[in-house]
């Protein structure tokens, strides 16, 4: 299954949509605090028919790339995103526990 990420940034917020060729799979919402160089992950949601496949983790990983590209750290208000980030060994450069 080919995964497509679309980042919809608007002002200091936005969301990343995860899709396949025909439908939406899920979404991660975020806020950017430019003066603190911080990306705050507010919410990760995967539609029920796609749950249990690790796709929420893929959205969080995409947000890590987004933060790195912009020189930001990540603060996860979403408990799921926080748990994913806490388990990853390669995010010390961006993850603020």
Foldseek 3Di string as FASTA:
>chain_A
DDWDWDWDDDDQWTKIWIDDPPDTFWMWIWGADVVQLEIETEDTDGPVVNPPPCVSLVRLVVVLVVSVVSVGAYHYPYPVSVVSVVPDPPRPSHYDD
